[in-house]
Amino acid sequence: MSARDAAKVECPAGHKYTPENTYIQAKGSRRCRACNREQMQAKRAQQKPAPTPPAPLERNWRDQAECLGMDVGLFFPTNQVARAAKDACRRCPVRQECLEWALETDTTDGIWGGLSAKARRRLAAERKAVA
């Protein structure tokens, strides 16, 4: 991030850069959570409704998830391209808890913990082989 960008206290839309409203992207630039939320709401309005994910066994880790409030459709893609969902998972503070939940409940659809169903099956098989 350049010194000029670091000195900015608001995003281009006027939202304050606070620890609660800002996350750092992989390249080091800042991203406003409020702007991201607004973009996701606009995308959601244009998309058809997505299937509801399975009922959670435990809610506490989900309340801290990066994807909280995001379009659920991103995590249940109709094609093999799921980059936006996986990008959100990379930033998520509870990515591991989400992945473990999906593995424990044998969830077969969607992106959970940054992994597709195929990648989760492979991980489960690797873990089983090691155990």
C-alpha atoms as a PDB file:
ATOM      1  CA  MET A   1       0.000   0.000   0.000  1.00  0.00           C
ATOM      2  CA  SER A   2       1.410   3.390  -0.925  1.00  0.00           C
ATOM      3  CA  ALA A   3       1.959   6.091   1.688  1.00  0.00           C
ATOM      4  CA  ARG A   4      -0.699   8.195  -0.031  1.00  0.00           C
ATOM      5  CA  ASP A   5      -3.258   5.398   0.270  1.00  0.00           C
ATOM      6  CA  ALA A   6      -2.249   4.674   3.868  1.00  0.00           C
ATOM      7  CA  ALA A   7      -2.965   8.300   4.812  1.00  0.00           C
ATOM      8  CA  LYS A   8      -6.576   8.065   3.632  1.00  0.00           C
ATOM      9  CA  VAL A   9      -9.119   7.756   6.447  1.00  0.00           C
ATOM     10  CA  GLU A  10     -12.148   7.054   4.231  1.00  0.00           C
ATOM     11  CA  CYS A  11     -12.865   4.797   1.277  1.00  0.00           C
ATOM     12  CA  PRO A  12     -13.898   6.440  -2.041  1.00  0.00           C
ATOM     13  CA  ALA A  13     -17.565   6.077  -1.004  1.00  0.00           C
ATOM     14  CA  GLY A  14     -16.947   7.980   2.251  1.00  0.00           C
ATOM     15  CA  HIS A  15     -16.985   5.094   4.737  1.00  0.00           C
ATOM     16  CA  LYS A  16     -14.413   5.407   7.555  1.00  0.00           C
ATOM     17  CA  TYR A  17     -11.453   3.024   7.492  1.00  0.00           C
ATOM     18  CA  THR A  18     -11.800   1.475  10.950  1.00  0.00           C
ATOM     19  CA  PRO A  19     -10.587  -1.962  12.077  1.00  0.00           C
ATOM     20  CA  GLU A  20     -14.202  -3.175  12.112  1.00  0.00           C
ATOM     21  CA  ASN A  21     -14.948  -1.843   8.618  1.00  0.00           C
ATOM     22  CA  THR A  22     -11.665  -2.626   6.858  1.00  0.00           C
ATOM     23  CA  TYR A  23      -9.804  -5.686   5.758  1.00  0.00           C
ATOM     24  CA  ILE A  24      -6.485  -5.963   3.978  1.00  0.00           C
ATOM     25  CA  GLN A  25      -6.474  -7.701   0.621  1.00  0.00           C
ATOM     26  CA  ALA A  26      -3.770 -10.162  -0.458  1.00  0.00           C
ATOM     27  CA  LYS A  27      -1.873  -7.443  -2.351  1.00  0.00           C
ATOM     28  CA  GLY A  28      -1.854  -5.205   0.744  1.00  0.00           C
ATOM     29  CA  SER A  29      -4.547  -2.757  -0.323  1.00  0.00           C
ATOM     30  CA  ARG A  30      -7.460  -1.921   1.965  1.00  0.00           C
ATOM     31  CA  ARG A  31     -11.057  -2.888   1.265  1.00  0.00           C
ATOM     32  CA  CYS A  32     -14.112  -1.328   2.893  1.00  0.00           C
ATOM     33  CA  ARG A  33     -16.492  -3.935   4.309  1.00  0.00           C
ATOM     34  CA  ALA A  34     -19.473  -1.561   3.940  1.00  0.00           C
ATOM     35  CA  CYS A  35     -18.745  -1.104   0.220  1.00  0.00           C
ATOM     36  CA  ASN A  36     -18.277  -4.854  -0.183  1.00  0.00           C
ATOM     37  CA  ARG A  37     -21.604  -5.477   1.548  1.00  0.00           C
ATOM     38  CA  GLU A  38     -23.337  -2.953  -0.752  1.00  0.00           C
ATOM     39  CA  GLN A  39     -21.810  -4.582  -3.843  1.00  0.00           C
ATOM     40  CA  MET A  40     -22.917  -8.021  -2.689  1.00  0.00           C
ATOM     41  CA  GLN A  41     -26.460  -6.771  -2.023  1.00  0.00           C
ATOM     42  CA  ALA A  42     -26.588  -5.319  -5.538  1.00  0.00           C
ATOM     43  CA  LYS A  43     -25.386  -8.630  -7.006  1.00  0.00           C
ATOM     44  CA  ARG A  44     -27.888 -10.538  -4.874  1.00  0.00           C
ATOM     45  CA  ALA A  45     -30.726  -8.415  -6.243  1.00  0.00           C
ATOM     46  CA  GLN A  46     -29.737  -9.491  -9.765  1.00  0.00           C
ATOM     47  CA  GLN A  47     -29.352 -13.206  -9.023  1.00  0.00           C
ATOM     48  CA  LYS A  48     -31.914 -15.915  -8.513  1.00  0.00           C
ATOM     49  CA  PRO A  49     -32.340 -17.287  -4.980  1.00  0.00           C
ATOM     50  CA  ALA A  50     -29.763 -19.864  -3.921  1.00  0.00           C
ATOM     51  CA  PRO A  51     -30.477 -23.009  -1.919  1.00  0.00           C
ATOM     52  CA  THR A  52     -30.393 -22.622   1.844  1.00  0.00           C
ATOM     53  CA  PRO A  53     -27.317 -24.159   3.473  1.00  0.00           C
ATOM     54  CA  PRO A  54     -27.831 -26.971   5.975  1.00  0.00           C
ATOM     55  CA  ALA A  55     -28.884 -25.988   9.490  1.00  0.00           C
ATOM     56  CA  PRO A  56     -25.827 -25.369  11.639  1.00  0.00           C
ATOM     57  CA  LEU A  57     -24.864 -27.588  14.533  1.00  0.00           C
ATOM     58  CA  GLU A  58     -23.286 -24.641  16.269  1.00  0.00           C
ATOM     59  CA  ARG A  59     -23.728 -20.905  15.535  1.00  0.00           C
ATOM     60  CA  ASN A  60     -20.895 -19.295  17.486  1.00  0.00           C
ATOM     61  CA  TRP A  61     -18.185 -19.520  14.788  1.00  0.00           C
ATOM     62  CA  ARG A  62     -20.611 -18.492  12.050  1.00  0.00           C
ATOM     63  CA  ASP A  63     -21.274 -15.167  13.760  1.00  0.00           C
ATOM     64  CA  GLN A  64     -17.617 -14.277  13.116  1.00  0.00           C
ATOM     65  CA  ALA A  65     -17.449 -15.517   9.525  1.00  0.00           C
ATOM     66  CA  GLU A  66     -16.269 -13.246   6.709  1.00  0.00           C
ATOM     67  CA  CYS A  67     -19.199 -14.458   4.595  1.00  0.00           C
ATOM     68  CA  LEU A  68     -21.831 -13.356   7.141  1.00  0.00           C
ATOM     69  CA  GLY A  69     -24.319 -11.267   5.180  1.00  0.00           C
ATOM     70  CA  MET A  70     -22.823 -12.145   1.802  1.00  0.00           C
ATOM     71  CA  ASP A  71     -24.827 -13.667  -1.016  1.00  0.00           C
ATOM     72  CA  VAL A  72     -25.252 -17.366  -0.238  1.00  0.00           C
ATOM     73  CA  GLY A  73     -25.344 -18.048  -3.980  1.00  0.00           C
ATOM     74  CA  LEU A  74     -21.598 -17.387  -4.196  1.00  0.00           C
ATOM     75  CA  PHE A  75     -20.976 -20.436  -2.044  1.00  0.00           C
ATOM     76  CA  PHE A  76     -23.242 -22.724  -4.066  1.00  0.00           C
ATOM     77  CA  PRO A  77     -22.028 -21.942  -7.603  1.00  0.00           C
ATOM     78  CA  THR A  78     -23.838 -23.355 -10.594  1.00  0.00           C
ATOM     79  CA  ASN A  79     -20.528 -23.749 -12.428  1.00  0.00           C
ATOM     80  CA  GLN A  80     -16.998 -24.667 -11.396  1.00  0.00           C
ATOM     81  CA  VAL A  81     -15.897 -21.035 -11.000  1.00  0.00           C
ATOM     82  CA  ALA A  82     -16.126 -20.106  -7.325  1.00  0.00           C
ATOM     83  CA  ARG A  83     -13.329 -17.544  -7.018  1.00  0.00           C
ATOM     84  CA  ALA A  84     -15.369 -14.923  -5.105  1.00  0.00           C
ATOM     85  CA  ALA A  85     -16.401 -17.437  -2.446  1.00  0.00           C
ATOM     86  CA  LYS A  86     -12.871 -18.782  -2.044  1.00  0.00           C
ATOM     87  CA  ASP A  87     -11.491 -15.223  -1.822  1.00  0.00           C
ATOM     88  CA  ALA A  88     -13.915 -14.494   1.019  1.00  0.00           C
ATOM     89  CA  CYS A  89     -12.830 -17.704   2.749  1.00  0.00           C
ATOM     90  CA  ARG A  90      -9.146 -16.731   2.518  1.00  0.00           C
ATOM     91  CA  ARG A  91      -9.876 -13.609   4.593  1.00  0.00           C
ATOM     92  CA  CYS A  92     -12.148 -15.363   7.076  1.00  0.00           C
ATOM     93  CA  PRO A  93     -11.085 -15.607  10.720  1.00  0.00           C
ATOM     94  CA  VAL A  94     -13.125 -18.797  11.227  1.00  0.00           C
ATOM     95  CA  ARG A  95     -12.193 -20.585   8.009  1.00  0.00           C
ATOM     96  CA  GLN A  96     -10.896 -23.679   9.834  1.00  0.00           C
ATOM     97  CA  GLU A  97     -14.030 -24.015  12.004  1.00  0.00           C
ATOM     98  CA  CYS A  98     -16.194 -23.749   8.885  1.00  0.00           C
ATOM     99  CA  LEU A  99     -14.150 -26.412   7.096  1.00  0.00           C
ATOM    100  CA  GLU A 100     -14.236 -28.753  10.101  1.00  0.00           C
ATOM    101  CA  TRP A 101     -18.010 -28.338  10.374  1.00  0.00           C
ATOM    102  CA  ALA A 102     -18.434 -29.241   6.699  1.00  0.00           C
ATOM    103  CA  LEU A 103     -16.205 -32.299   7.110  1.00  0.00           C
ATOM    104  CA  GLU A 104     -17.949 -33.438  10.313  1.00  0.00           C
ATOM    105  CA  THR A 105     -21.420 -33.094   8.786  1.00  0.00           C
ATOM    106  CA  ASP A 106     -20.342 -34.606   5.443  1.00  0.00           C
ATOM    107  CA  THR A 107     -21.681 -31.555   3.579  1.00  0.00           C
ATOM    108  CA  THR A 108     -21.636 -32.412  -0.115  1.00  0.00           C
ATOM    109  CA  ASP A 109     -22.551 -29.071  -1.711  1.00  0.00           C
ATOM    110  CA  GLY A 110     -21.056 -25.613  -1.851  1.00  0.00           C
ATOM    111  CA  ILE A 111     -17.863 -23.919  -0.744  1.00  0.00           C
ATOM    112  CA  TRP A 112     -17.102 -24.376   2.967  1.00  0.00           C
ATOM    113  CA  GLY A 113     -13.837 -23.356   4.592  1.00  0.00           C
ATOM    114  CA  GLY A 114     -12.493 -22.336   1.201  1.00  0.00           C
ATOM    115  CA  LEU A 115     -12.811 -25.797  -0.325  1.00  0.00           C
ATOM    116  CA  SER A 116     -15.180 -27.226  -2.897  1.00  0.00           C
ATOM    117  CA  ALA A 117     -16.998 -30.497  -2.235  1.00  0.00           C
ATOM    118  CA  LYS A 118     -14.420 -32.367  -4.332  1.00  0.00           C
ATOM    119  CA  ALA A 119     -11.503 -30.848  -2.401  1.00  0.00           C
ATOM    120  CA  ARG A 120     -13.205 -31.663   0.915  1.00  0.00           C
ATOM    121  CA  ARG A 121     -13.698 -35.298  -0.150  1.00  0.00           C
ATOM    122  CA  ARG A 122      -9.996 -35.504  -1.052  1.00  0.00           C
ATOM    123  CA  LEU A 123      -8.996 -33.959   2.300  1.00  0.00           C
ATOM    124  CA  ALA A 124     -11.266 -36.355   4.217  1.00  0.00           C
ATOM    125  CA  ALA A 125      -9.761 -39.314   2.359  1.00  0.00           C
ATOM    126  CA  GLU A 126      -6.220 -38.081   3.129  1.00  0.00           C
ATOM    127  CA  ARG A 127      -7.057 -37.675   6.803  1.00  0.00           C
ATOM    128  CA  LYS A 128      -8.614 -41.135   6.916  1.00  0.00           C
ATOM    129  CA  ALA A 129      -5.537 -42.670   5.273  1.00  0.00           C
ATOM    130  CA  VAL A 130      -3.252 -41.037   7.844  1.00  0.00           C
ATOM    131  CA  ALA A 131      -5.398 -42.048  10.829  1.00  0.00           C
END
